[in-house]
C-alpha atoms as a PDB file:
ATOM      1  CA  MET A   1    -100.413 -18.657 -29.554  1.00  0.00           C
ATOM      2  CA  ALA A   2     -99.355 -14.624 -28.808  1.00  0.00           C
ATOM      3  CA  ARG A   3     -96.947 -14.397 -31.304  1.00  0.00           C
ATOM      4  CA  LEU A   4     -99.353 -15.941 -34.136  1.00  0.00           C
ATOM      5  CA  LEU A   5    -102.081 -13.005 -32.694  1.00  0.00           C
ATOM      6  CA  LEU A   6     -99.184 -10.502 -33.291  1.00  0.00           C
ATOM      7  CA  GLU A   7     -97.981 -11.862 -36.742  1.00  0.00           C
ATOM      8  CA  GLU A   8    -101.974 -11.341 -38.146  1.00  0.00           C
ATOM      9  CA  GLY A   9    -102.122  -7.558 -36.243  1.00  0.00           C
ATOM     10  CA  LEU A  10    -104.173  -8.460 -33.283  1.00  0.00           C
ATOM     11  CA  THR A  11    -102.422  -6.872 -31.009  1.00  0.00           C
ATOM     12  CA  ARG A  12    -104.807  -7.192 -28.352  1.00  0.00           C
ATOM     13  CA  GLY A  13    -105.475 -10.502 -28.448  1.00  0.00           C
ATOM     14  CA  SER A  14    -101.151 -11.263 -28.527  1.00  0.00           C
ATOM     15  CA  VAL A  15    -100.775  -8.723 -25.179  1.00  0.00           C
ATOM     16  CA  ASN A  16    -103.287 -11.053 -23.289  1.00  0.00           C
ATOM     17  CA  ARG A  17    -101.978 -14.274 -24.291  1.00  0.00           C
ATOM     18  CA  SER A  18     -98.602 -12.731 -23.359  1.00  0.00           C
ATOM     19  CA  TYR A  19     -99.695 -11.596 -20.164  1.00  0.00           C
ATOM     20  CA  TYR A  20    -100.903 -14.708 -19.169  1.00  0.00           C
ATOM     21  CA  ALA A  21     -98.057 -16.716 -20.088  1.00  0.00           C
ATOM     22  CA  MET A  22     -96.456 -14.505 -17.259  1.00  0.00           C
ATOM     23  CA  PHE A  23     -99.409 -15.082 -14.858  1.00  0.00           C
ATOM     24  CA  TYR A  24     -99.260 -18.818 -15.034  1.00  0.00           C
ATOM     25  CA  ALA A  25     -95.758 -18.804 -14.790  1.00  0.00           C
ATOM     26  CA  VAL A  26     -96.350 -16.930 -11.151  1.00  0.00           C
ATOM     27  CA  LEU A  27     -98.808 -19.557 -10.324  1.00  0.00           C
ATOM     28  CA  ALA A  28     -96.380 -22.022 -11.252  1.00  0.00           C
ATOM     29  CA  LEU A  29     -93.912 -20.587  -8.891  1.00  0.00           C
ATOM     30  CA  LEU A  30     -96.876 -20.323  -5.911  1.00  0.00           C
ATOM     31  CA  ALA A  31     -97.976 -23.682  -6.433  1.00  0.00           C
ATOM     32  CA  SER A  32     -94.793 -25.126  -4.688  1.00  0.00           C
ATOM     33  CA  PRO A  33     -94.975 -23.346  -1.139  1.00  0.00           C
ATOM     34  CA  LYS A  34     -99.015 -23.387  -1.519  1.00  0.00           C
ATOM     35  CA  LYS A  35     -99.853 -20.338  -1.914  1.00  0.00           C
ATOM     36  CA  GLU A  36    -102.429 -20.747  -5.102  1.00  0.00           C
ATOM     37  CA  THR A  37    -104.137 -17.900  -5.942  1.00  0.00           C
ATOM     38  CA  SER A  38    -106.541 -16.981  -8.798  1.00  0.00           C
ATOM     39  CA  MET A  39    -106.900 -13.072  -8.148  1.00  0.00           C
ATOM     40  CA  HIS A  40    -104.398 -11.442  -9.964  1.00  0.00           C
ATOM     41  CA  SER A  41    -103.417  -9.341  -8.054  1.00  0.00           C
ATOM     42  CA  VAL A  42    -102.723 -11.058  -5.034  1.00  0.00           C
ATOM     43  CA  ALA A  43    -100.761 -13.754  -7.676  1.00  0.00           C
ATOM     44  CA  ILE A  44     -98.623 -10.569  -8.440  1.00  0.00           C
ATOM     45  CA  SER A  45     -98.010  -8.993  -5.137  1.00  0.00           C
ATOM     46  CA  LEU A  46     -96.735 -13.011  -3.069  1.00  0.00           C
ATOM     47  CA  PHE A  47     -94.384 -12.643  -6.741  1.00  0.00           C
ATOM     48  CA  ASP A  48     -93.181  -9.720  -5.645  1.00  0.00           C
ATOM     49  CA  LYS A  49     -92.576 -10.418  -1.799  1.00  0.00           C
ATOM     50  CA  ASP A  50     -91.840 -13.713  -2.110  1.00  0.00           C
ATOM     51  CA  PHE A  51     -89.683 -13.749  -5.219  1.00  0.00           C
ATOM     52  CA  VAL A  52     -88.223 -10.175  -6.305  1.00  0.00           C
ATOM     53  CA  LYS A  53     -87.729  -9.176  -2.830  1.00  0.00           C
ATOM     54  CA  THR A  54     -85.649 -11.816  -2.195  1.00  0.00           C
ATOM     55  CA  GLY A  55     -83.686 -11.928  -4.832  1.00  0.00           C
ATOM     56  CA  VAL A  56     -84.974 -15.033  -6.883  1.00  0.00           C
ATOM     57  CA  PHE A  57     -85.937 -12.204  -9.591  1.00  0.00           C
ATOM     58  CA  PRO A  58     -84.858  -8.918 -10.587  1.00  0.00           C
ATOM     59  CA  LYS A  59     -87.093  -5.830 -10.314  1.00  0.00           C
ATOM     60  CA  GLU A  60     -87.199  -5.854 -14.057  1.00  0.00           C
ATOM     61  CA  LEU A  61     -88.915  -9.151 -14.016  1.00  0.00           C
ATOM     62  CA  SER A  62     -91.934  -7.691 -11.460  1.00  0.00           C
ATOM     63  CA  ARG A  63     -92.127  -3.609 -13.555  1.00  0.00           C
ATOM     64  CA  TRP A  64     -92.585  -6.093 -17.065  1.00  0.00           C
ATOM     65  CA  LEU A  65     -95.221  -8.560 -15.245  1.00  0.00           C
ATOM     66  CA  HIS A  66     -97.094  -5.226 -13.815  1.00  0.00           C
ATOM     67  CA  ASP A  67     -96.454  -3.593 -17.226  1.00  0.00           C
ATOM     68  CA  ALA A  68     -98.100  -6.705 -19.242  1.00  0.00           C
ATOM     69  CA  PHE A  69    -101.158  -6.777 -16.256  1.00  0.00           C
ATOM     70  CA  ASN A  70    -101.728  -2.903 -16.815  1.00  0.00           C
ATOM     71  CA  MET A  71    -101.530  -2.834 -21.045  1.00  0.00           C
ATOM     72  CA  ARG A  72    -103.711  -6.469 -21.002  1.00  0.00           C
ATOM     73  CA  GLN A  73    -106.033  -4.456 -18.595  1.00  0.00           C
ATOM     74  CA  ARG A  74    -106.366  -1.203 -21.021  1.00  0.00           C
ATOM     75  CA  ALA A  75    -106.307  -3.733 -23.942  1.00  0.00           C
ATOM     76  CA  ASP A  76    -109.042  -5.983 -22.943  1.00  0.00           C
ATOM     77  CA  TYR A  77    -111.394  -3.720 -21.313  1.00  0.00           C
ATOM     78  CA  ALA A  78    -111.144  -0.001 -22.520  1.00  0.00           C
ATOM     79  CA  PRO A  79    -112.178  -0.098 -26.123  1.00  0.00           C
ATOM     80  CA  ASN A  80    -110.210   2.711 -27.982  1.00  0.00           C
ATOM     81  CA  CYS A  81    -107.070   1.080 -26.613  1.00  0.00           C
ATOM     82  CA  ILE A  82    -105.511  -0.758 -29.242  1.00  0.00           C
ATOM     83  CA  PRO A  83    -101.489  -1.683 -28.310  1.00  0.00           C
ATOM     84  CA  SER A  84     -98.861  -1.104 -31.262  1.00  0.00           C
ATOM     85  CA  VAL A  85     -97.135  -3.619 -32.952  1.00  0.00           C
ATOM     86  CA  GLU A  86     -94.627  -2.413 -30.911  1.00  0.00           C
ATOM     87  CA  GLU A  87     -95.996  -2.687 -28.146  1.00  0.00           C
ATOM     88  CA  ALA A  88     -97.412  -6.145 -28.046  1.00  0.00           C
ATOM     89  CA  GLY A  89     -94.349  -6.920 -29.724  1.00  0.00           C
ATOM     90  CA  GLU A  90     -92.224  -5.532 -26.337  1.00  0.00           C
ATOM     91  CA  ILE A  91     -94.937  -7.511 -24.169  1.00  0.00           C
ATOM     92  CA  LEU A  92     -94.164 -10.779 -26.132  1.00  0.00           C
ATOM     93  CA  ASP A  93     -90.611 -10.270 -25.937  1.00  0.00           C
ATOM     94  CA  ARG A  94     -90.120  -9.887 -22.409  1.00  0.00           C
ATOM     95  CA  ALA A  95     -92.548 -12.760 -21.570  1.00  0.00           C
ATOM     96  CA  VAL A  96     -90.796 -15.040 -23.611  1.00  0.00           C
ATOM     97  CA  PHE A  97     -87.942 -14.147 -21.399  1.00  0.00           C
ATOM     98  CA  PHE A  98     -90.224 -14.004 -17.861  1.00  0.00           C
ATOM     99  CA  VAL A  99     -91.748 -17.308 -18.569  1.00  0.00           C
ATOM    100  CA  GLU A 100     -87.732 -18.901 -19.623  1.00  0.00           C
ATOM    101  CA  GLU A 101     -86.518 -17.755 -15.994  1.00  0.00           C
ATOM    102  CA  VAL A 102     -89.268 -19.156 -14.434  1.00  0.00           C
ATOM    103  CA  ARG A 103     -88.241 -22.627 -16.361  1.00  0.00           C
ATOM    104  CA  LYS A 104     -85.074 -22.006 -15.424  1.00  0.00           C
ATOM    105  CA  SER A 105     -85.217 -21.375 -11.828  1.00  0.00           C
ATOM    106  CA  GLN A 106     -87.997 -24.424 -11.017  1.00  0.00           C
ATOM    107  CA  THR A 107     -85.341 -27.070 -12.933  1.00  0.00           C
ATOM    108  CA  PHE A 108     -82.448 -25.714 -10.500  1.00  0.00           C
ATOM    109  CA  GLU A 109     -84.648 -26.033  -8.241  1.00  0.00           C
ATOM    110  CA  ASN A 110     -85.925 -29.193  -8.453  1.00  0.00           C
ATOM    111  CA  LYS A 111     -82.558 -30.497  -9.109  1.00  0.00           C
ATOM    112  CA  SER A 112     -81.077 -29.454  -6.319  1.00  0.00           C
ATOM    113  CA  GLY A 113     -84.057 -30.283  -3.870  1.00  0.00           C
END
C-alpha cells in the first residue's frame, strides 16, 4: 500500500503505511516473549532494549524505526509537513528492509526452536 500511495504522490499516506509496517513487525517480535503493547513509544523502547542492545538487530534498524516514527508523527499531525517523494521513498525502502529482517529472524527462530 505504501508503494501505491507513493506512486500516486501521496507521501503522507506512504510514510504512514511504511511506519506501520515497521511497527507491526516490532509487535510481532514482542508477541513471542509476551511483551505486547499498543503504545508506540513502549514498543520502540522494547525493540531497542530486547533486540538492538542484545545484538539481534543492528543499531541502524533502530535509527530507521525512530526516524519513521518521527516522520509519521509530523506527517500525520503537522498540517504544514508534507514529506518529499525522496523522503517517503527512503522510509519505504527502509521499511521493506526492516520487515524482511524481522521476517528472517522469526523464520530462523521458528526453525531452530
